Amino acid sequence: MTEDRAREDIAFIRHAIEEGGAYATARSPDMLVWGIAVALGHLGVYAFVRGWSPIAPNALWAVCIGVPWLYSLRRLFRRFIGNSPSPRGPMALALSMLWLGCGIFLTTIVVAAMWTGANREGWLDPIVAGVMGIAFFATAWMTNLPWLRWIAVAWWLGEVALFVLRHQVEVLLLSAALMLLLLAGPGLVLLRRGARLRR
């Protein structure tokens, strides 16, 4: 009796972790879109500060944050028009809530910092990097994709570097590089992994 229960528990855990890996792979385009959009935002602000672009940072960020949100919420929009997505299991739901919570927190703090002018104090980018490290660290465990832990460590090292450079304009270039390498990059790797699994 106990042995059967243990097998059932192990099968449930195995299924949940496989489901988490499948969810991470399925959401890899979101990581790609967010990484590229936010990197473009940082590069656009850098160009504005250097006098190379007339586009004001607030307008640029509205697009670079708004468009990825619309993309990431596409499943929710489909549900509203009656094209309901398939139900998700507990691990996929947990991952979804983890990333949604991080996204809401980061968007709220970015908007508040820009609204009040606190974004000029230099602490915003290190906070973003720290939260991204947390999200990747938890995702690595929930998906059984251990290489994502190294992405988390890289985010935390980036957090320190961003803090050191916080009052220099080059921090924008570092932030863009981190977004491309540590958000869009894993998104691309997971996207290619999904393509291989579908063959």
N, C-alpha and C. Protein backbone atom coordinates (compact mmCIF):
# COMPACT_ATOMS: atom_id res chain seq x y z
N MET A 1 0.82 -1.18 0.00
CA MET A 1 0.00 0.00 0.00
C MET A 1 0.87 1.26 0.00
N THR A 2 1.85 1.32 0.90
CA THR A 2 2.73 2.47 0.99
C THR A 2 3.59 2.60 -0.26
N GLU A 3 4.01 1.46 -0.79
CA GLU A 3 4.83 1.47 -2.00
C GLU A 3 4.05 2.02 -3.19
N ASP A 4 2.78 1.64 -3.30
CA ASP A 4 1.93 2.16 -4.38
C ASP A 4 1.75 3.67 -4.25
N ARG A 5 1.55 4.10 -3.03
CA ARG A 5 1.38 5.54 -2.79
C ARG A 5 2.65 6.30 -3.16
N ALA A 6 3.80 5.74 -2.82
CA ALA A 6 5.08 6.38 -3.15
C ALA A 6 5.24 6.47 -4.67
N ARG A 7 4.87 5.40 -5.39
CA ARG A 7 4.95 5.43 -6.86
C ARG A 7 4.04 6.50 -7.44
N GLU A 8 2.84 6.60 -6.90
CA GLU A 8 1.90 7.63 -7.37
C GLU A 8 2.45 9.03 -7.12
N ASP A 9 3.03 9.23 -5.96
CA ASP A 9 3.61 10.54 -5.64
C ASP A 9 4.76 10.88 -6.58
N ILE A 10 5.62 9.90 -6.83
CA ILE A 10 6.76 10.12 -7.73
C ILE A 10 6.26 10.41 -9.15
N ALA A 11 5.24 9.68 -9.58
CA ALA A 11 4.68 9.91 -10.92
C ALA A 11 4.08 11.31 -11.01
N PHE A 12 3.40 11.74 -9.94
CA PHE A 12 2.81 13.09 -9.92
C PHE A 12 3.90 14.16 -10.01
N ILE A 13 4.95 13.99 -9.22
CA ILE A 13 6.05 14.96 -9.22
C ILE A 13 6.72 14.99 -10.59
N ARG A 14 6.98 13.81 -11.15
CA ARG A 14 7.60 13.74 -12.47
C ARG A 14 6.73 14.45 -13.52
N HIS A 15 5.43 14.19 -13.47
CA HIS A 15 4.51 14.82 -14.43
C HIS A 15 4.50 16.34 -14.23
N ALA A 16 4.50 16.79 -12.98
CA ALA A 16 4.47 18.24 -12.71
C ALA A 16 5.73 18.92 -13.25
N ILE A 17 6.88 18.29 -13.06
CA ILE A 17 8.13 18.87 -13.54
C ILE A 17 8.17 18.87 -15.07
N GLU A 18 7.71 17.79 -15.69
CA GLU A 18 7.63 17.76 -17.16
C GLU A 18 6.70 18.85 -17.67
N GLU A 19 5.59 19.03 -16.96
CA GLU A 19 4.64 20.08 -17.33
C GLU A 19 5.28 21.46 -17.20
N GLY A 20 6.08 21.66 -16.16
CA GLY A 20 6.78 22.93 -15.98
C GLY A 20 7.75 23.19 -17.11
N GLY A 21 8.50 22.15 -17.51
CA GLY A 21 9.43 22.30 -18.63
C GLY A 21 8.71 22.60 -19.92
N ALA A 22 7.58 21.95 -20.14
CA ALA A 22 6.79 22.21 -21.35
C ALA A 22 6.25 23.63 -21.34
N TYR A 23 5.82 24.10 -20.16
CA TYR A 23 5.30 25.46 -20.06
C TYR A 23 6.41 26.48 -20.35
N ALA A 24 7.59 26.26 -19.78
CA ALA A 24 8.71 27.18 -20.01
C ALA A 24 9.05 27.23 -21.49
N THR A 25 9.04 26.08 -22.14
CA THR A 25 9.33 26.03 -23.57
C THR A 25 8.25 26.76 -24.36
N ALA A 26 7.00 26.55 -23.99
CA ALA A 26 5.88 27.19 -24.70
C ALA A 26 5.89 28.71 -24.53
N ARG A 27 6.39 29.19 -23.39
CA ARG A 27 6.40 30.63 -23.14
C ARG A 27 7.71 31.29 -23.55
N SER A 28 8.59 30.54 -24.19
CA SER A 28 9.87 31.11 -24.60
C SER A 28 9.73 32.30 -25.55
N PRO A 29 8.72 32.34 -26.43
CA PRO A 29 8.58 33.55 -27.26
C PRO A 29 8.35 34.81 -26.42
N ASP A 30 7.68 34.66 -25.28
CA ASP A 30 7.47 35.81 -24.39
C ASP A 30 8.81 36.35 -23.90
N MET A 31 9.70 35.44 -23.51
CA MET A 31 11.02 35.86 -23.04
C MET A 31 11.78 36.58 -24.14
N LEU A 32 11.66 36.06 -25.34
CA LEU A 32 12.33 36.66 -26.49
C LEU A 32 11.79 38.07 -26.76
N VAL A 33 10.47 38.20 -26.77
CA VAL A 33 9.84 39.51 -27.03
C VAL A 33 10.21 40.51 -25.94
N TRP A 34 10.08 40.10 -24.68
CA TRP A 34 10.41 41.01 -23.58
C TRP A 34 11.88 41.41 -23.60
N GLY A 35 12.76 40.44 -23.80
CA GLY A 35 14.20 40.74 -23.80
C GLY A 35 14.57 41.73 -24.88
N ILE A 36 14.06 41.52 -26.09
CA ILE A 36 14.37 42.42 -27.19
C ILE A 36 13.75 43.80 -26.97
N ALA A 37 12.49 43.83 -26.55
CA ALA A 37 11.80 45.12 -26.36
C ALA A 37 12.47 45.97 -25.28
N VAL A 38 12.79 45.36 -24.15
CA VAL A 38 13.40 46.13 -23.06
C VAL A 38 14.82 46.55 -23.44
N ALA A 39 15.54 45.68 -24.14
CA ALA A 39 16.88 46.07 -24.62
C ALA A 39 16.78 47.26 -25.56
N LEU A 40 15.80 47.24 -26.47
CA LEU A 40 15.60 48.39 -27.36
C LEU A 40 15.26 49.65 -26.58
N GLY A 41 14.50 49.50 -25.50
CA GLY A 41 14.20 50.65 -24.64
C GLY A 41 15.46 51.26 -24.05
N HIS A 42 16.33 50.41 -23.52
CA HIS A 42 17.59 50.91 -22.96
C HIS A 42 18.47 51.55 -24.02
N LEU A 43 18.55 50.93 -25.19
CA LEU A 43 19.35 51.50 -26.27
C LEU A 43 18.76 52.82 -26.76
N GLY A 44 17.43 52.90 -26.80
CA GLY A 44 16.78 54.14 -27.20
C GLY A 44 17.03 55.27 -26.22
N VAL A 45 16.99 54.97 -24.93
CA VAL A 45 17.29 55.99 -23.92
C VAL A 45 18.74 56.42 -24.04
N TYR A 46 19.64 55.46 -24.26
CA TYR A 46 21.06 55.79 -24.45
C TYR A 46 21.23 56.74 -25.64
N ALA A 47 20.55 56.44 -26.74
CA ALA A 47 20.62 57.29 -27.93
C ALA A 47 20.06 58.68 -27.65
N PHE A 48 19.00 58.76 -26.85
CA PHE A 48 18.41 60.05 -26.49
C PHE A 48 19.38 60.86 -25.63
N VAL A 49 19.97 60.21 -24.63
CA VAL A 49 20.91 60.89 -23.73
C VAL A 49 22.13 61.40 -24.51
N ARG A 50 22.58 60.63 -25.47
CA ARG A 50 23.74 61.03 -26.28
C ARG A 50 23.38 62.08 -27.34
N GLY A 51 22.09 62.35 -27.52
CA GLY A 51 21.67 63.32 -28.51
C GLY A 51 21.50 62.75 -29.91
N TRP A 52 21.47 61.43 -30.02
CA TRP A 52 21.34 60.78 -31.32
C TRP A 52 19.89 60.53 -31.72
N SER A 53 18.97 60.63 -30.77
CA SER A 53 17.56 60.32 -31.05
C SER A 53 16.66 61.40 -30.44
N PRO A 54 15.61 61.81 -31.17
CA PRO A 54 14.68 62.80 -30.62
C PRO A 54 13.55 62.16 -29.80
N ILE A 55 13.49 60.83 -29.75
CA ILE A 55 12.38 60.15 -29.08
C ILE A 55 12.57 60.22 -27.56
N ALA A 56 11.60 60.83 -26.89
CA ALA A 56 11.66 60.99 -25.43
C ALA A 56 11.58 59.63 -24.74
N PRO A 57 12.33 59.43 -23.66
CA PRO A 57 12.34 58.14 -22.97
C PRO A 57 10.97 57.65 -22.51
N ASN A 58 10.12 58.55 -21.99
CA ASN A 58 8.82 58.09 -21.50
C ASN A 58 7.97 57.49 -22.61
N ALA A 59 7.96 58.12 -23.79
CA ALA A 59 7.20 57.59 -24.92
C ALA A 59 7.80 56.25 -25.38
N LEU A 60 9.10 56.19 -25.39
CA LEU A 60 9.79 54.96 -25.80
C LEU A 60 9.45 53.81 -24.86
N TRP A 61 9.50 54.08 -23.54
CA TRP A 61 9.21 53.03 -22.57
C TRP A 61 7.75 52.61 -22.62
N ALA A 62 6.86 53.53 -22.94
CA ALA A 62 5.44 53.16 -23.06
C ALA A 62 5.27 52.07 -24.13
N VAL A 63 6.00 52.21 -25.22
CA VAL A 63 5.93 51.22 -26.30
C VAL A 63 6.69 49.95 -25.91
N CYS A 64 7.89 50.12 -25.37
CA CYS A 64 8.76 48.97 -25.06
C CYS A 64 8.25 48.13 -23.90
N ILE A 65 7.35 48.66 -23.11
CA ILE A 65 6.73 47.87 -22.04
C ILE A 65 5.31 47.47 -22.43
N GLY A 66 4.60 48.37 -23.10
CA GLY A 66 3.21 48.09 -23.48
C GLY A 66 3.07 46.96 -24.48
N VAL A 67 3.89 46.97 -25.52
CA VAL A 67 3.78 45.93 -26.57
C VAL A 67 4.06 44.53 -26.00
N PRO A 68 5.12 44.33 -25.21
CA PRO A 68 5.32 42.99 -24.64
C PRO A 68 4.18 42.55 -23.72
N TRP A 69 3.60 43.50 -22.97
CA TRP A 69 2.46 43.12 -22.13
C TRP A 69 1.30 42.63 -22.99
N LEU A 70 1.01 43.34 -24.08
CA LEU A 70 -0.05 42.89 -24.98
C LEU A 70 0.25 41.50 -25.52
N TYR A 71 1.50 41.27 -25.88
CA TYR A 71 1.89 39.97 -26.39
C TYR A 71 1.73 38.88 -25.32
N SER A 72 2.19 39.16 -24.11
CA SER A 72 2.13 38.15 -23.05
C SER A 72 0.71 37.86 -22.59
N LEU A 73 -0.17 38.82 -22.72
CA LEU A 73 -1.56 38.63 -22.28
C LEU A 73 -2.47 38.12 -23.39
N ARG A 74 -1.90 37.69 -24.50
CA ARG A 74 -2.70 37.25 -25.64
C ARG A 74 -3.61 36.08 -25.28
N ARG A 75 -3.18 35.19 -24.41
CA ARG A 75 -4.03 34.06 -23.98
C ARG A 75 -5.26 34.57 -23.25
N LEU A 76 -5.07 35.56 -22.42
CA LEU A 76 -6.19 36.15 -21.70
C LEU A 76 -7.17 36.81 -22.66
N PHE A 77 -6.64 37.52 -23.65
CA PHE A 77 -7.50 38.15 -24.66
C PHE A 77 -8.30 37.10 -25.42
N ARG A 78 -7.68 35.98 -25.75
CA ARG A 78 -8.39 34.90 -26.45
C ARG A 78 -9.52 34.35 -25.59
N ARG A 79 -9.29 34.26 -24.30
CA ARG A 79 -10.33 33.77 -23.40
C ARG A 79 -11.54 34.71 -23.41
N PHE A 80 -11.27 36.01 -23.47
CA PHE A 80 -12.37 36.99 -23.48
C PHE A 80 -13.21 36.91 -24.75
N ILE A 81 -12.60 36.54 -25.87
CA ILE A 81 -13.38 36.46 -27.11
C ILE A 81 -13.95 35.06 -27.33
N GLY A 82 -13.81 34.21 -26.34
CA GLY A 82 -14.43 32.89 -26.39
C GLY A 82 -13.55 31.78 -26.91
N ASN A 83 -12.34 32.07 -27.26
CA ASN A 83 -11.41 31.06 -27.74
C ASN A 83 -10.56 30.61 -26.55
N SER A 84 -11.16 29.83 -25.67
CA SER A 84 -10.55 29.48 -24.39
C SER A 84 -9.34 28.57 -24.55
N PRO A 85 -8.22 28.92 -23.88
CA PRO A 85 -7.04 28.05 -23.93
C PRO A 85 -7.26 26.78 -23.11
N SER A 86 -6.46 25.78 -23.39
CA SER A 86 -6.58 24.53 -22.65
C SER A 86 -6.21 24.76 -21.19
N PRO A 87 -6.84 24.03 -20.27
CA PRO A 87 -6.54 24.22 -18.85
C PRO A 87 -5.09 23.84 -18.55
N ARG A 88 -4.53 24.54 -17.58
CA ARG A 88 -3.14 24.29 -17.20
C ARG A 88 -3.08 23.52 -15.90
N GLY A 89 -2.02 22.73 -15.77
CA GLY A 89 -1.81 21.98 -14.55
C GLY A 89 -1.20 22.85 -13.47
N PRO A 90 -0.98 22.29 -12.28
CA PRO A 90 -0.51 23.09 -11.15
C PRO A 90 0.88 23.72 -11.35
N MET A 91 1.81 23.00 -11.97
CA MET A 91 3.15 23.56 -12.14
C MET A 91 3.14 24.68 -13.18
N ALA A 92 2.41 24.49 -14.27
CA ALA A 92 2.31 25.55 -15.28
C ALA A 92 1.63 26.77 -14.69
N LEU A 93 0.62 26.56 -13.88
CA LEU A 93 -0.07 27.68 -13.23
C LEU A 93 0.86 28.39 -12.25
N ALA A 94 1.65 27.63 -11.50
CA ALA A 94 2.60 28.24 -10.56
C ALA A 94 3.64 29.07 -11.30
N LEU A 95 4.17 28.54 -12.40
CA LEU A 95 5.14 29.30 -13.20
C LEU A 95 4.51 30.56 -13.78
N SER A 96 3.29 30.41 -14.25
CA SER A 96 2.58 31.55 -14.82
C SER A 96 2.41 32.65 -13.77
N MET A 97 2.03 32.27 -12.57
CA MET A 97 1.82 33.26 -11.51
C MET A 97 3.15 33.87 -11.05
N LEU A 98 4.21 33.07 -11.03
CA LEU A 98 5.53 33.59 -10.68
C LEU A 98 5.93 34.71 -11.63
N TRP A 99 5.87 34.43 -12.94
CA TRP A 99 6.29 35.42 -13.93
C TRP A 99 5.32 36.59 -14.01
N LEU A 100 4.02 36.32 -13.87
CA LEU A 100 3.05 37.42 -13.87
C LEU A 100 3.29 38.34 -12.68
N GLY A 101 3.52 37.75 -11.50
CA GLY A 101 3.79 38.56 -10.31
C GLY A 101 5.05 39.39 -10.47
N CYS A 102 6.10 38.79 -11.01
CA CYS A 102 7.34 39.55 -11.24
C CYS A 102 7.09 40.67 -12.25
N GLY A 103 6.34 40.37 -13.30
CA GLY A 103 6.05 41.38 -14.32
C GLY A 103 5.24 42.54 -13.77
N ILE A 104 4.24 42.24 -12.96
CA ILE A 104 3.43 43.30 -12.36
C ILE A 104 4.28 44.14 -11.42
N PHE A 105 5.08 43.49 -10.58
CA PHE A 105 5.95 44.23 -9.66
C PHE A 105 6.90 45.14 -10.42
N LEU A 106 7.58 44.59 -11.43
CA LEU A 106 8.56 45.38 -12.18
C LEU A 106 7.90 46.52 -12.94
N THR A 107 6.76 46.26 -13.55
CA THR A 107 6.06 47.33 -14.28
C THR A 107 5.62 48.43 -13.32
N THR A 108 5.08 48.04 -12.18
CA THR A 108 4.63 49.02 -11.19
C THR A 108 5.78 49.88 -10.70
N ILE A 109 6.89 49.26 -10.36
CA ILE A 109 8.01 50.03 -9.82
C ILE A 109 8.66 50.90 -10.89
N VAL A 110 8.70 50.42 -12.14
CA VAL A 110 9.26 51.23 -13.23
C VAL A 110 8.38 52.44 -13.49
N VAL A 111 7.07 52.23 -13.58
CA VAL A 111 6.16 53.36 -13.83
C VAL A 111 6.22 54.36 -12.67
N ALA A 112 6.22 53.86 -11.43
CA ALA A 112 6.29 54.76 -10.27
C ALA A 112 7.60 55.54 -10.27
N ALA A 113 8.70 54.87 -10.58
CA ALA A 113 10.01 55.55 -10.59
C ALA A 113 10.06 56.60 -11.69
N MET A 114 9.51 56.29 -12.85
CA MET A 114 9.52 57.27 -13.94
C MET A 114 8.57 58.43 -13.63
N TRP A 115 7.45 58.14 -13.03
CA TRP A 115 6.45 59.16 -12.68
C TRP A 115 7.02 60.17 -11.69
N THR A 116 7.78 59.67 -10.73
CA THR A 116 8.31 60.54 -9.67
C THR A 116 9.71 61.06 -9.95
N GLY A 117 10.34 60.57 -11.01
CA GLY A 117 11.71 60.97 -11.31
C GLY A 117 12.76 60.18 -10.56
N ALA A 118 12.33 59.19 -9.80
CA ALA A 118 13.27 58.39 -9.01
C ALA A 118 14.14 57.49 -9.88
N ASN A 119 13.76 57.31 -11.15
CA ASN A 119 14.57 56.47 -12.03
C ASN A 119 15.96 57.05 -12.26
N ARG A 120 16.14 58.33 -11.99
CA ARG A 120 17.45 58.97 -12.17
C ARG A 120 18.43 58.63 -11.03
N GLU A 121 17.92 58.02 -9.97
CA GLU A 121 18.77 57.73 -8.82
C GLU A 121 19.63 56.47 -9.01
N GLY A 122 19.33 55.68 -10.02
CA GLY A 122 20.19 54.57 -10.37
C GLY A 122 19.93 53.23 -9.72
N TRP A 123 18.89 53.11 -8.92
CA TRP A 123 18.63 51.84 -8.24
C TRP A 123 17.68 50.94 -9.00
N LEU A 124 17.01 51.46 -10.02
CA LEU A 124 15.96 50.70 -10.69
C LEU A 124 16.51 49.49 -11.46
N ASP A 125 17.54 49.68 -12.25
CA ASP A 125 18.08 48.56 -13.04
C ASP A 125 18.62 47.43 -12.17
N PRO A 126 19.33 47.72 -11.06
CA PRO A 126 19.75 46.62 -10.20
C PRO A 126 18.57 45.84 -9.60
N ILE A 127 17.48 46.55 -9.27
CA ILE A 127 16.30 45.85 -8.75
C ILE A 127 15.71 44.93 -9.80
N VAL A 128 15.62 45.43 -11.03
CA VAL A 128 15.11 44.60 -12.13
C VAL A 128 15.96 43.34 -12.28
N ALA A 129 17.28 43.50 -12.26
CA ALA A 129 18.18 42.35 -12.40
C ALA A 129 18.00 41.37 -11.24
N GLY A 130 17.85 41.87 -10.03
CA GLY A 130 17.65 41.00 -8.88
C GLY A 130 16.37 40.19 -8.98
N VAL A 131 15.29 40.84 -9.40
CA VAL A 131 14.01 40.14 -9.55
C VAL A 131 14.10 39.10 -10.67
N MET A 132 14.78 39.44 -11.75
CA MET A 132 14.94 38.47 -12.84
C MET A 132 15.74 37.26 -12.36
N GLY A 133 16.74 37.49 -11.52
CA GLY A 133 17.49 36.38 -10.95
C GLY A 133 16.61 35.46 -10.12
N ILE A 134 15.74 36.05 -9.31
CA ILE A 134 14.81 35.26 -8.51
C ILE A 134 13.89 34.44 -9.41
N ALA A 135 13.34 35.08 -10.43
CA ALA A 135 12.41 34.38 -11.33
C ALA A 135 13.09 33.22 -12.05
N PHE A 136 14.30 33.43 -12.53
CA PHE A 136 15.00 32.35 -13.22
C PHE A 136 15.41 31.24 -12.25
N PHE A 137 15.80 31.61 -11.04
CA PHE A 137 16.21 30.60 -10.06
C PHE A 137 15.03 29.68 -9.73
N ALA A 138 13.87 30.28 -9.46
CA ALA A 138 12.68 29.48 -9.15
C ALA A 138 12.24 28.66 -10.36
N THR A 139 12.31 29.26 -11.54
CA THR A 139 11.92 28.55 -12.76
C THR A 139 12.82 27.34 -13.00
N ALA A 140 14.10 27.47 -12.72
CA ALA A 140 15.04 26.36 -12.91
C ALA A 140 14.60 25.15 -12.10
N TRP A 141 14.20 25.38 -10.87
CA TRP A 141 13.78 24.28 -10.02
C TRP A 141 12.44 23.71 -10.47
N MET A 142 11.50 24.59 -10.80
CA MET A 142 10.15 24.16 -11.16
C MET A 142 10.08 23.45 -12.51
N THR A 143 11.08 23.63 -13.34
CA THR A 143 11.08 23.04 -14.68
C THR A 143 12.11 21.95 -14.86
N ASN A 144 12.94 21.74 -13.87
CA ASN A 144 14.06 20.80 -13.95
C ASN A 144 14.97 21.14 -15.13
N LEU A 145 15.21 22.44 -15.29
CA LEU A 145 16.16 22.93 -16.29
C LEU A 145 17.29 23.61 -15.53
N PRO A 146 18.26 22.81 -15.02
CA PRO A 146 19.28 23.34 -14.12
C PRO A 146 20.13 24.46 -14.72
N TRP A 147 20.29 24.51 -16.03
CA TRP A 147 21.10 25.57 -16.63
C TRP A 147 20.49 26.95 -16.38
N LEU A 148 19.19 27.01 -16.10
CA LEU A 148 18.57 28.31 -15.80
C LEU A 148 19.10 28.88 -14.47
N ARG A 149 19.62 28.02 -13.59
CA ARG A 149 20.22 28.53 -12.35
C ARG A 149 21.42 29.42 -12.66
N TRP A 150 22.18 29.04 -13.68
CA TRP A 150 23.34 29.85 -14.06
C TRP A 150 22.89 31.18 -14.66
N ILE A 151 21.75 31.18 -15.31
CA ILE A 151 21.18 32.44 -15.80
C ILE A 151 20.83 33.32 -14.60
N ALA A 152 20.26 32.71 -13.56
CA ALA A 152 19.94 33.46 -12.35
C ALA A 152 21.20 34.06 -11.72
N VAL A 153 22.25 33.26 -11.62
CA VAL A 153 23.51 33.74 -11.06
C VAL A 153 24.05 34.90 -11.90
N ALA A 154 23.96 34.76 -13.22
CA ALA A 154 24.43 35.84 -14.10
C ALA A 154 23.61 37.12 -13.89
N TRP A 155 22.30 36.98 -13.67
CA TRP A 155 21.47 38.16 -13.37
C TRP A 155 21.95 38.82 -12.07
N TRP A 156 22.26 38.01 -11.06
CA TRP A 156 22.69 38.58 -9.79
C TRP A 156 24.06 39.25 -9.90
N LEU A 157 24.94 38.67 -10.69
CA LEU A 157 26.23 39.34 -10.94
C LEU A 157 25.99 40.64 -11.71
N GLY A 158 25.07 40.59 -12.66
CA GLY A 158 24.70 41.80 -13.39
C GLY A 158 24.11 42.86 -12.48
N GLU A 159 23.37 42.41 -11.47
CA GLU A 159 22.79 43.34 -10.49
C GLU A 159 23.89 44.14 -9.81
N VAL A 160 24.96 43.46 -9.41
CA VAL A 160 26.09 44.14 -8.76
C VAL A 160 26.75 45.12 -9.73
N ALA A 161 26.98 44.67 -10.96
CA ALA A 161 27.61 45.54 -11.96
C ALA A 161 26.74 46.76 -12.26
N LEU A 162 25.44 46.56 -12.35
CA LEU A 162 24.52 47.68 -12.60
C LEU A 162 24.56 48.68 -11.44
N PHE A 163 24.66 48.16 -10.23
CA PHE A 163 24.72 49.05 -9.07
C PHE A 163 26.01 49.87 -9.08
N VAL A 164 27.12 49.22 -9.45
CA VAL A 164 28.40 49.92 -9.51
C VAL A 164 28.37 51.03 -10.56
N LEU A 165 27.74 50.76 -11.70
CA LEU A 165 27.70 51.73 -12.81
C LEU A 165 26.46 52.63 -12.78
N ARG A 166 25.70 52.61 -11.70
CA ARG A 166 24.37 53.23 -11.69
C ARG A 166 24.33 54.70 -12.07
N HIS A 167 25.40 55.46 -11.89
CA HIS A 167 25.37 56.89 -12.21
C HIS A 167 26.14 57.21 -13.49
N GLN A 168 26.40 56.19 -14.29
CA GLN A 168 27.09 56.40 -15.56
C GLN A 168 26.14 56.02 -16.70
N VAL A 169 26.23 56.74 -17.80
CA VAL A 169 25.33 56.49 -18.93
C VAL A 169 25.54 55.10 -19.52
N GLU A 170 26.71 54.52 -19.36
CA GLU A 170 26.98 53.19 -19.89
C GLU A 170 26.15 52.10 -19.22
N VAL A 171 25.54 52.42 -18.09
CA VAL A 171 24.67 51.45 -17.43
C VAL A 171 23.53 51.04 -18.36
N LEU A 172 23.12 51.95 -19.24
CA LEU A 172 22.06 51.64 -20.20
C LEU A 172 22.50 50.56 -21.19
N LEU A 173 23.75 50.61 -21.61
CA LEU A 173 24.28 49.59 -22.52
C LEU A 173 24.38 48.23 -21.82
N LEU A 174 24.83 48.25 -20.56
CA LEU A 174 24.91 47.01 -19.80
C LEU A 174 23.52 46.42 -19.59
N SER A 175 22.55 47.26 -19.27
CA SER A 175 21.18 46.79 -19.08
C SER A 175 20.64 46.16 -20.36
N ALA A 176 20.91 46.80 -21.50
CA ALA A 176 20.46 46.25 -22.78
C ALA A 176 21.12 44.90 -23.05
N ALA A 177 22.42 44.80 -22.77
CA ALA A 177 23.14 43.54 -22.98
C ALA A 177 22.59 42.43 -22.09
N LEU A 178 22.30 42.76 -20.83
CA LEU A 178 21.73 41.76 -19.92
C LEU A 178 20.39 41.27 -20.42
N MET A 179 19.55 42.17 -20.89
CA MET A 179 18.24 41.78 -21.40
C MET A 179 18.36 40.87 -22.62
N LEU A 180 19.28 41.21 -23.50
CA LEU A 180 19.46 40.37 -24.70
C LEU A 180 20.05 39.01 -24.36
N LEU A 181 21.10 39.02 -23.54
CA LEU A 181 21.80 37.77 -23.23
C LEU A 181 21.06 36.88 -22.24
N LEU A 182 20.45 37.50 -21.22
CA LEU A 182 19.92 36.71 -20.10
C LEU A 182 18.40 36.60 -20.08
N LEU A 183 17.71 37.27 -21.01
CA LEU A 183 16.26 37.09 -21.12
C LEU A 183 15.91 36.61 -22.53
N ALA A 184 16.30 37.37 -23.54
CA ALA A 184 16.03 36.94 -24.92
C ALA A 184 16.84 35.68 -25.25
N GLY A 185 18.07 35.61 -24.75
CA GLY A 185 18.92 34.44 -25.02
C GLY A 185 18.31 33.13 -24.54
N PRO A 186 17.94 33.03 -23.25
CA PRO A 186 17.26 31.81 -22.79
C PRO A 186 15.94 31.56 -23.53
N GLY A 187 15.24 32.64 -23.89
CA GLY A 187 14.02 32.47 -24.67
C GLY A 187 14.30 31.79 -26.00
N LEU A 188 15.38 32.20 -26.65
CA LEU A 188 15.76 31.59 -27.92
C LEU A 188 16.18 30.13 -27.74
N VAL A 189 16.94 29.85 -26.69
CA VAL A 189 17.36 28.47 -26.41
C VAL A 189 16.14 27.59 -26.16
N LEU A 190 15.20 28.07 -25.36
CA LEU A 190 13.99 27.28 -25.07
C LEU A 190 13.12 27.13 -26.31
N LEU A 191 13.07 28.15 -27.14
CA LEU A 191 12.30 28.07 -28.39
C LEU A 191 12.88 26.98 -29.30
N ARG A 192 14.20 26.95 -29.41
CA ARG A 192 14.85 25.92 -30.24
C ARG A 192 14.67 24.54 -29.61
N ARG A 193 14.67 24.48 -28.29
CA ARG A 193 14.43 23.21 -27.59
C ARG A 193 13.03 22.70 -27.93
N GLY A 194 12.06 23.60 -27.91
CA GLY A 194 10.69 23.22 -28.25
C GLY A 194 10.57 22.72 -29.68
N ALA A 195 11.29 23.36 -30.59
CA ALA A 195 11.26 22.93 -31.99
C ALA A 195 11.86 21.53 -32.13
N ARG A 196 12.93 21.25 -31.38
CA ARG A 196 13.54 19.91 -31.42
C ARG A 196 12.59 18.86 -30.85
N LEU A 197 11.89 19.21 -29.76
CA LEU A 197 10.98 18.25 -29.13
C LEU A 197 9.78 17.93 -30.01
N ARG A 198 9.37 18.89 -30.84
CA ARG A 198 8.21 18.68 -31.72
C ARG A 198 8.54 17.81 -32.93
N ARG A 199 9.81 17.63 -33.24
CA ARG A 199 10.19 16.82 -34.41
C ARG A 199 9.93 15.36 -34.20
